Protein backbone atom coordinates (compact mmCIF):
# COMPACT_ATOMS: atom_id res chain seq x y z
CA MET A 1 14.04 -4.95 -29.83
CA ALA A 2 17.04 -4.14 -27.68
CA GLY A 3 17.66 -6.43 -24.72
CA LEU A 4 17.70 -5.36 -21.10
CA ARG A 5 20.98 -3.69 -20.23
CA PHE A 6 22.65 -4.01 -16.83
CA SER A 7 22.15 -0.29 -16.23
CA ASP A 8 18.39 -0.78 -16.68
CA LEU A 9 18.25 -3.02 -13.60
CA GLY A 10 18.20 0.09 -11.43
CA ASN A 11 14.90 1.15 -12.99
CA VAL A 12 13.56 -2.41 -12.62
CA LEU A 13 14.39 -2.33 -8.91
CA GLY A 14 12.74 1.09 -8.66
CA LEU A 15 9.57 -0.31 -10.25
CA LEU A 16 9.54 -3.21 -7.78
CA GLY A 17 9.90 -0.71 -4.95
CA LEU A 18 6.99 1.22 -6.43
CA ALA A 19 4.93 -1.99 -6.43
CA SER A 20 5.72 -2.57 -2.74
CA SER A 21 4.63 0.98 -1.91
CA LEU A 22 1.40 0.55 -3.88
CA PHE A 23 0.78 -2.67 -1.93
CA THR A 24 1.45 -0.75 1.30
CA THR A 25 -1.09 1.88 0.26
CA ILE A 26 -3.67 -0.86 -0.34
CA ILE A 27 -2.94 -2.28 3.12
CA GLY A 28 -3.34 1.21 4.58
CA ILE A 29 -6.73 1.76 2.94
CA VAL A 30 -8.03 -1.65 4.03
CA TYR A 31 -6.80 -1.17 7.61
CA THR A 32 -8.27 2.34 7.81
CA TRP A 33 -11.59 0.99 6.52
CA TYR A 34 -11.78 -1.45 9.42
CA HIS A 35 -10.43 1.09 11.95
CA HIS A 36 -12.05 4.25 10.71
CA PRO A 37 -12.55 7.20 13.08
CA VAL A 38 -15.81 7.24 15.05
CA LEU A 39 -17.01 10.83 14.85
CA LYS A 40 -19.81 10.65 17.41
CA LEU A 41 -20.48 13.12 20.21
CA LYS A 42 -22.42 12.30 23.37
CA TRP A 43 -24.70 14.84 25.03
CA SER A 44 -27.47 13.37 27.13
CA GLU A 45 -25.12 10.69 28.49
CA CYS A 46 -22.68 13.29 29.80
CA GLY A 47 -23.14 14.64 33.31
CA TRP A 48 -21.27 16.89 35.71
CA SER A 49 -20.08 14.28 38.16
CA ASP A 50 -17.86 11.22 37.97
CA THR A 51 -19.34 7.76 37.49
CA ALA A 52 -18.10 4.41 38.68
CA ALA A 53 -16.66 3.72 35.23
CA ALA A 54 -15.01 7.03 34.32
CA LYS A 55 -14.58 10.69 35.15
CA TRP A 56 -17.10 13.17 33.79
CA VAL A 57 -14.41 15.00 31.78
CA ASP A 58 -13.79 11.83 29.72
CA CYS A 59 -17.35 11.50 28.47
CA ASN A 60 -16.32 12.30 24.86
CA SER A 61 -12.82 10.81 25.04
CA GLU A 62 -13.67 8.58 22.06
CA TRP A 63 -13.86 11.68 19.86
CA ALA A 64 -10.45 12.87 21.09
CA SER A 65 -8.89 9.48 20.34
CA ASN A 66 -9.69 9.95 16.63
CA PHE A 67 -7.12 12.73 16.29
CA GLY A 68 -3.49 13.37 17.13
CA MET A 69 -0.98 10.72 18.14
CA ALA A 70 -3.66 8.28 19.27
CA GLN A 71 -4.86 7.79 15.69
CA LEU A 72 -1.41 7.87 14.08
CA PRO A 73 -0.64 4.10 14.29
CA SER A 74 -3.72 3.34 12.19
CA LEU A 75 -2.55 5.74 9.47
CA VAL A 76 1.10 4.62 9.23
CA PRO A 77 0.63 2.18 6.30
CA LEU A 78 -1.46 4.66 4.32
CA LEU A 79 0.94 7.58 4.82
CA MET A 80 4.11 5.58 4.16
CA GLY A 81 2.54 3.93 1.12
CA ILE A 82 1.60 7.30 -0.40
CA PHE A 83 5.04 8.82 0.22
CA GLY A 84 6.79 5.72 -1.11
CA THR A 85 4.65 5.77 -4.24
CA PHE A 86 5.40 9.39 -5.09
CA MET A 87 9.11 8.89 -4.55
CA TYR A 88 9.15 7.10 -7.89
CA ARG A 89 8.17 10.14 -9.94
CA PRO A 90 7.14 13.07 -7.73
CA MET A 91 5.01 15.81 -9.20
CA LEU A 92 1.81 16.27 -7.23
CA LEU A 93 3.72 15.44 -4.04
CA GLN A 94 7.35 16.53 -4.25
CA VAL A 95 9.58 14.50 -1.94
CA GLY A 96 12.55 16.85 -2.03
CA GLY A 97 15.73 15.12 -3.08
CA PHE A 98 14.96 11.68 -1.64
CA PRO A 99 16.16 9.07 -2.33
CA LYS A 100 19.39 10.07 -4.07
CA ASN A 101 20.89 6.57 -3.91
CA PHE A 102 19.92 3.00 -3.18
CA VAL A 103 21.27 3.13 0.39
CA GLN A 104 18.67 5.75 1.27
CA TYR A 105 16.01 3.74 -0.56
CA ALA A 106 17.03 0.57 1.28
CA VAL A 107 16.53 2.32 4.63
CA TRP A 108 13.09 3.50 3.51
CA LEU A 109 12.07 0.01 2.33
CA LEU A 110 13.28 -1.50 5.61
CA PHE A 111 11.20 0.95 7.65
CA GLN A 112 8.25 0.40 5.32
CA GLY A 113 8.37 -3.36 5.82
CA MET A 114 8.87 -3.35 9.58
CA PHE A 115 6.62 -0.48 10.65
CA ALA A 116 3.99 -0.18 7.89
CA ASN A 117 3.46 -3.80 6.81
CA PHE A 118 4.15 -6.48 9.41
CA GLY A 119 1.63 -5.29 11.99
CA TYR A 120 -1.28 -4.68 9.62
CA CYS A 121 -3.82 -6.77 7.69
CA GLY A 122 -2.54 -10.18 8.75
CA LYS A 123 -0.94 -12.21 5.96
CA LEU A 124 -1.09 -9.31 3.50
CA GLY A 125 1.19 -7.30 5.77
CA VAL A 126 3.55 -10.24 6.31
CA ILE A 127 3.86 -10.89 2.56
CA ASN A 128 4.56 -7.29 1.65
CA GLY A 129 6.76 -6.79 4.69
CA TRP A 130 9.15 -9.54 3.61
CA PHE A 131 8.93 -8.31 0.02
CA SER A 132 10.02 -4.84 1.15
CA ILE A 133 12.89 -6.22 3.22
CA ILE A 134 14.11 -8.37 0.31
CA LEU A 135 14.03 -5.27 -1.90
CA ALA A 136 15.98 -3.38 0.77
CA VAL A 137 18.74 -6.00 0.64
CA ALA A 138 18.67 -5.89 -3.18
CA SER A 139 18.97 -2.09 -3.01
CA LEU A 140 22.16 -2.37 -0.97
CA VAL A 141 23.58 -4.75 -3.57
CA ALA A 142 22.53 -2.32 -6.31
CA GLU A 143 24.38 0.51 -4.57
CA VAL A 144 27.56 -1.56 -4.40
CA THR A 145 27.33 -2.30 -8.13
CA GLY A 146 26.70 1.36 -8.98
CA LEU A 147 23.12 1.05 -10.24
CA LYS A 148 20.82 4.07 -10.27
CA THR A 149 17.24 4.79 -11.26
CA ASP A 150 16.56 7.63 -13.69
CA ARG A 151 15.11 9.61 -10.78
CA MET A 152 18.33 9.21 -8.77
CA LEU A 153 20.41 10.34 -11.75
CA GLU A 154 18.29 13.47 -12.06
CA LEU A 155 18.69 14.27 -8.36
CA THR A 156 22.47 13.85 -8.50
CA GLY A 157 22.80 16.15 -11.51
CA HIS A 158 23.27 13.67 -14.35
CA LYS A 159 21.97 14.74 -17.75
CA LEU A 160 19.12 12.59 -19.01
CA VAL A 161 16.99 12.86 -22.10
CA SER A 162 14.84 15.86 -21.23
CA CYS A 163 11.18 15.88 -22.21
CA GLY A 164 10.62 19.35 -20.85
CA GLY A 165 13.09 21.42 -22.83
CA SER A 166 16.30 23.10 -21.64
CA SER A 167 17.65 26.61 -21.51
CA ALA A 168 20.87 25.48 -23.19
CA PRO A 169 20.90 25.64 -26.99
CA GLU A 170 20.22 22.34 -28.69
CA LYS A 171 22.08 21.19 -31.73
CA VAL A 172 19.72 19.33 -34.02
CA SER A 173 21.01 18.01 -37.29
CA SER A 174 17.62 17.42 -38.78
CA ARG A 175 14.29 18.99 -37.84
CA THR A 176 12.46 16.03 -39.34
CA THR A 177 14.37 13.59 -37.14
CA GLU A 178 13.57 15.73 -34.09
CA LYS A 179 9.85 15.66 -34.81
CA ASP A 180 9.79 11.93 -35.50
CA GLY A 181 11.53 11.23 -32.19
CA ILE A 182 8.68 12.72 -30.15
CA LYS A 183 6.09 10.11 -29.14
CA ASP A 184 2.55 10.91 -28.11
CA TYR A 185 2.02 7.75 -25.96
CA MET A 186 -1.67 7.71 -26.90
CA PRO A 187 -2.20 3.92 -26.40
CA TRP A 188 -0.62 4.18 -22.92
CA ALA A 189 -2.90 7.09 -22.07
CA ILE A 190 -6.04 5.33 -23.32
CA VAL A 191 -5.31 2.24 -21.21
CA SER A 192 -4.73 4.39 -18.13
CA ALA A 193 -8.09 6.11 -18.66
CA PHE A 194 -9.84 2.78 -17.95
CA PHE A 195 -8.17 2.65 -14.52
CA CYS A 196 -8.87 6.28 -13.61
CA PRO A 197 -10.99 8.25 -16.10
CA ILE A 198 -10.12 11.68 -14.68
CA LEU A 199 -6.32 11.41 -14.58
CA GLY A 200 -6.15 9.12 -17.59
CA GLY A 201 -8.46 11.43 -19.52
CA TYR A 202 -6.08 14.30 -18.92
CA GLY A 203 -3.26 12.08 -20.17
CA VAL A 204 -5.25 11.45 -23.37
CA TYR A 205 -5.69 15.20 -23.78
CA GLN A 206 -1.94 15.77 -23.41
CA ALA A 207 -1.25 13.01 -25.94
CA SER A 208 -3.51 14.75 -28.45
CA GLN A 209 -1.59 17.98 -27.84
CA VAL A 210 1.65 16.23 -28.78
CA LYS A 211 0.31 15.54 -32.27
CA LYS A 212 -0.74 19.16 -32.71
CA LEU A 213 2.52 20.65 -31.46
CA LYS A 214 5.00 18.38 -33.24
CA LYS A 215 5.30 20.57 -36.33
CA LYS A 216 5.10 24.07 -34.92
CA ASP A 217 6.65 23.73 -31.43
CA PRO A 218 8.77 20.61 -30.75
CA LYS A 219 9.74 21.78 -27.25
CA ALA A 220 6.11 22.16 -26.23
CA ALA A 221 5.42 18.76 -27.79
CA ARG A 222 8.12 17.22 -25.58
CA ARG A 223 6.59 18.80 -22.50
CA ALA A 224 3.18 17.43 -23.47
CA ALA A 225 4.70 13.98 -24.03
CA LYS A 226 6.27 14.03 -20.57
CA SER A 227 2.98 15.17 -19.07
CA THR A 228 1.20 12.32 -20.87
CA THR A 229 3.44 9.66 -19.33
CA THR A 230 3.26 11.24 -15.87
CA TRP A 231 -0.52 11.56 -15.69
CA SER A 232 -1.03 8.14 -17.26
CA LEU A 233 1.27 6.62 -14.65
CA TYR A 234 -0.67 8.27 -11.84
CA ALA A 235 -3.93 7.04 -13.35
CA LEU A 236 -2.65 3.47 -13.44
CA MET A 237 -1.30 3.64 -9.88
CA LEU A 238 -4.51 5.12 -8.48
CA GLY A 239 -6.64 2.60 -10.36
CA VAL A 240 -4.58 -0.35 -9.14
CA VAL A 241 -4.73 0.87 -5.53
CA MET A 242 -8.49 1.45 -5.60
CA LEU A 243 -9.22 -1.88 -7.30
CA GLY A 244 -6.93 -3.79 -4.94
CA ALA A 245 -8.19 -2.11 -1.78
CA PHE A 246 -11.92 -2.29 -2.42
CA THR A 247 -11.73 -5.81 -3.83
CA THR A 248 -10.01 -6.90 -0.61
CA ILE A 249 -12.62 -5.09 1.49
CA TYR A 250 -15.49 -6.61 -0.51
CA VAL A 251 -14.12 -10.14 -0.19
CA THR A 252 -13.30 -9.94 3.53
CA ASP A 253 -16.01 -7.65 4.94
CA GLY A 254 -18.41 -9.51 7.23
CA ARG A 255 -16.58 -12.84 7.04
CA VAL A 256 -16.27 -14.73 10.32
CA MET A 257 -13.87 -17.62 10.81
CA ALA A 258 -15.56 -20.99 11.26
CA PRO A 259 -15.28 -22.66 14.71
CA ALA A 260 -12.15 -24.74 15.13
CA ALA A 261 -12.52 -28.50 14.76
CA GLY A 262 -12.58 -30.56 17.94
CA ASP A 263 -15.18 -28.58 19.87
CA GLY A 264 -17.67 -31.46 19.76
CA ASP A 265 -17.44 -35.09 20.82
CA ASP A 266 -14.80 -37.01 18.89
CA GLY A 267 -15.56 -40.28 20.63
CA ASP A 268 -17.63 -43.13 19.25
CA ASP A 269 -20.02 -43.49 22.20
CA GLY A 270 -22.89 -42.13 20.15
CA ASP A 271 -23.60 -38.96 22.12
CA ASP A 272 -22.69 -35.33 21.49
CA GLY A 273 -21.18 -34.72 24.90
CA ASP A 274 -17.61 -34.48 26.01
CA ASP A 275 -15.75 -37.71 26.65
CA ALA A 276 -13.92 -36.07 29.53
CA GLY A 277 -17.24 -35.12 31.08
CA ASP A 278 -18.54 -38.66 30.56
CA ALA A 279 -15.46 -40.02 32.29
CA ALA A 280 -15.87 -37.62 35.19
CA GLY A 281 -19.53 -38.56 35.49
CA GLY A 282 -18.62 -42.22 35.50
CA ASP A 283 -16.11 -41.72 38.29
CA ALA A 284 -18.67 -39.83 40.33
CA SER A 285 -21.19 -42.66 39.86
CA GLU A 286 -18.67 -45.24 41.02
CA GLU A 287 -17.83 -43.18 44.10
CA GLY A 288 -21.54 -42.84 44.89
CA ALA A 289 -22.02 -46.58 44.56
CA ASP A 290 -19.09 -47.30 46.86
CA GLY A 291 -20.52 -44.90 49.43
CA SER A 292 -23.89 -46.67 49.30
CA GLU A 293 -22.26 -50.04 49.90
CA GLU A 294 -20.36 -48.73 52.93
CA THR A 295 -23.59 -47.29 54.39
CA ALA A 296 -25.39 -50.57 53.89
CA GLU A 297 -22.65 -52.45 55.76
């Protein structure tokens, strides 16, 4: 097995960035679950005159707050997480030509950490926020050293191994070697089907097509192989996001933090009251006694 080459570190960094965007998507789903829109209209409560609390035109202002710019802050993690995820290998959502280098990706990761992580979901947001910022710094270092992901090379016009065929004539020394070099990725597709049966199932179908097309149409077999890896990747990503988000919601939903220690009596006087209150009561008793003595005199 060949070792990891220095040029492969660009793809490793891209995968780590993908992980941070998946984490951001999970944060977005969890936050939206707890701050979901309230689609409720009032009728009998609405009148034609102002009340002491509000104007009559604002009776259904809660509905209006669910849309437009008012709702946008709650959707920032979800939207940025989705866009960041599909930057890795866009197909269903084509992010046109971005990012072409690690400087652009570093800017994106910095914005993702500061505006889509830190302010959401408590410690989860803090953890992923710092992770995104660390990756942003690493991306700047990667740009200085000349590293690229495969996606960046494609966007800048570099020739990669094409799985989808090319209009230019191909010179193949051996047809047998060409067929043997096409993989169906069936195990990868089967595993992805457990995470998302629909997308992974389509990946399994494409993998089966690779086996059928190897002999009679190698170009079509390559396209099917590329489709297998793409749909399997989407199945894994969607499965991880759904499992992570709903596991977090299940574990945290309805939990209430226990009262902080120190609310009761920490003294050893045997009662459940407050020592400060006992002291104040004692002082008041002494003052009352002194007043009684002065009256008696």
